[in-house]
Protein backbone atom coordinates (compact mmCIF):
# COMPACT_ATOMS: atom_id res chain seq x y z
CA UNK A 1 -36.19 11.18 126.38
CA UNK A 2 -37.86 9.68 123.32
CA UNK A 3 -41.25 10.45 124.87
CA UNK A 4 -40.34 14.12 125.37
CA UNK A 5 -38.96 14.40 121.84
CA UNK A 6 -42.11 12.91 120.33
CA UNK A 7 -44.30 15.35 122.30
CA UNK A 8 -42.15 18.25 121.13
CA UNK A 9 -42.36 17.16 117.50
CA UNK A 10 -46.14 16.66 117.79
CA UNK A 11 -46.54 20.15 119.26
CA UNK A 12 -44.41 21.69 116.52
CA UNK A 13 -46.41 19.84 113.85
CA UNK A 14 -49.77 21.00 115.27
CA UNK A 15 -48.47 24.57 115.56
CA UNK A 16 -47.21 24.55 111.96
CA UNK A 17 -50.54 23.18 110.72
CA UNK A 18 -52.49 25.81 112.65
CA UNK A 19 -50.19 28.56 111.34
CA UNK A 20 -50.58 27.37 107.76
CA UNK A 21 -54.36 27.26 108.10
CA UNK A 22 -54.52 30.78 109.52
CA UNK A 23 -52.12 32.01 106.83
CA UNK A 24 -54.27 30.47 104.11
CA UNK A 25 -57.46 31.98 105.55
CA UNK A 26 -55.89 35.43 105.86
CA UNK A 27 -54.83 35.71 102.21
CA UNK A 28 -56.77 37.89 99.75
CA UNK A 29 -60.13 36.44 98.87
CA UNK A 30 -60.23 33.99 101.78
CA UNK A 31 -59.62 36.82 104.25
CA UNK A 32 -62.51 38.83 102.82
CA UNK A 33 -64.84 35.82 102.96
CA UNK A 34 -63.71 35.03 106.53
CA UNK A 35 -64.20 38.67 107.53
CA UNK A 36 -67.68 38.70 105.99
CA UNK A 37 -68.62 35.42 107.70
CA UNK A 38 -67.33 36.68 111.05
CA UNK A 39 -69.29 39.94 110.68
CA UNK A 40 -72.41 37.97 109.80
CA UNK A 41 -71.91 35.67 112.79
CA UNK A 42 -71.35 38.73 115.03
CA UNK A 43 -74.57 40.32 113.75
CA UNK A 44 -76.48 37.08 114.38
CA UNK A 45 -75.09 36.91 117.91
CA UNK A 46 -76.01 40.55 118.47
CA UNK A 47 -79.59 39.99 117.22
CA UNK A 48 -79.86 36.83 119.32
CA UNK A 49 -78.76 38.75 122.39
CA UNK A 50 -81.29 41.51 121.68
CA UNK A 51 -84.04 38.92 121.23
CA UNK A 52 -83.08 37.12 124.44
CA UNK A 53 -83.00 40.45 126.31
CA UNK A 54 -86.41 41.37 124.94
CA UNK A 55 -87.88 38.01 125.96
CA UNK A 56 -86.37 38.22 129.45
CA UNK A 57 -87.64 41.77 129.86
CA UNK A 58 -91.13 40.71 128.81
CA UNK A 59 -91.09 37.75 131.20
CA UNK A 60 -89.86 39.96 134.05
CA UNK A 61 -92.61 42.51 133.40
CA UNK A 62 -95.20 39.73 133.31
CA UNK A 63 -93.88 38.24 136.55
CA UNK A 64 -93.92 41.68 138.18
CA UNK A 65 -97.51 42.20 137.08
CA UNK A 66 -98.54 38.80 138.42
CA UNK A 67 -96.75 39.54 141.70
CA UNK A 68 -98.55 42.86 142.04
CA UNK A 69 -101.88 41.15 141.35
CA UNK A 70 -101.18 38.46 143.96
CA UNK A 71 -100.13 40.99 146.60
CA UNK A 72 -103.31 42.95 145.89
CA UNK A 73 -105.36 39.78 146.38
CA UNK A 74 -103.51 38.98 149.61
CA UNK A 75 -104.01 42.50 150.86
CA UNK A 76 -107.72 42.31 150.10
CA UNK A 77 -108.03 38.96 151.89
CA UNK A 78 -106.14 40.34 154.90
CA UNK A 79 -108.51 43.32 154.99
CA UNK A 80 -111.51 41.01 154.88
CA UNK A 81 -110.08 38.92 157.72
CA UNK A 82 -109.43 42.05 159.76
CA UNK A 83 -113.03 43.15 159.22
CA UNK A 84 -114.31 39.70 160.18
CA UNK A 85 -112.22 39.72 163.35
CA UNK A 86 -113.34 43.23 164.16
CA UNK A 87 -117.00 42.24 163.80
CA UNK A 88 -116.46 39.12 165.92
CA UNK A 89 -114.72 41.10 168.66
CA UNK A 90 -117.39 43.78 168.51
CA UNK A 91 -120.18 41.20 168.83
CA UNK A 92 -118.46 39.45 171.74
CA UNK A 93 -117.80 42.76 173.49
CA UNK A 94 -121.46 43.76 173.05
CA UNK A 95 -122.64 40.41 174.45
CA UNK A 96 -120.23 40.67 177.36
CA UNK A 97 -121.37 44.25 178.04
CA UNK A 98 -125.03 43.20 177.97
CA UNK A 99 -124.27 40.27 180.26
CA UNK A 100 -122.41 42.53 182.71
CA UNK A 101 -125.24 45.08 182.60
CA UNK A 102 -127.80 42.34 183.23
CA UNK A 103 -125.75 40.98 186.10
CA UNK A 104 -125.37 44.48 187.57
CA UNK A 105 -129.13 44.98 187.33
CA UNK A 106 -129.73 41.66 189.07
CA UNK A 107 -127.23 42.55 191.78
CA UNK A 108 -128.90 45.95 192.16
CA UNK A 109 -132.32 44.39 192.53
CA UNK A 110 -130.99 42.00 195.13
CA UNK A 111 -129.51 44.91 197.08
CA UNK A 112 -132.82 46.80 196.93
CA UNK A 113 -134.70 43.72 198.12
CA UNK A 114 -132.25 43.29 201.01
CA UNK A 115 -132.54 46.96 201.85
CA UNK A 116 -136.36 46.74 201.92
CA UNK A 117 -136.42 43.59 204.02
CA UNK A 118 -133.82 44.99 206.37
CA UNK A 119 -135.81 48.20 206.79
CA UNK A 120 -139.01 46.27 207.46
CA UNK A 121 -137.37 44.17 210.16
CA UNK A 122 -136.11 47.27 211.90
CA UNK A 123 -139.63 48.67 212.17
């Protein structure tokens, strides 16, 4: 019980001290000075918030600009790669087509030769 009583008395003492301090600060001249200081602190907080907002906005705009630049670079590189692949495929297709045409010509010449030799043997 002594422990509970001492905690109660301590709480009452702290409360009385806090009340007296607030009462002192809220009287006449002290209240006006406190009000002025609080207004000044509020204005400083407000200006700090505006400054922080401005800095964050600037950083976000800069980051957005850098992102747009990077995506433009990536897009350009992708376009170059697509063109390179297109040229490679085109070259390979042309070579394959020429090879097939050459092979068809060779096959055609072989057929003509067979046809001539077959016709000569029939005579």
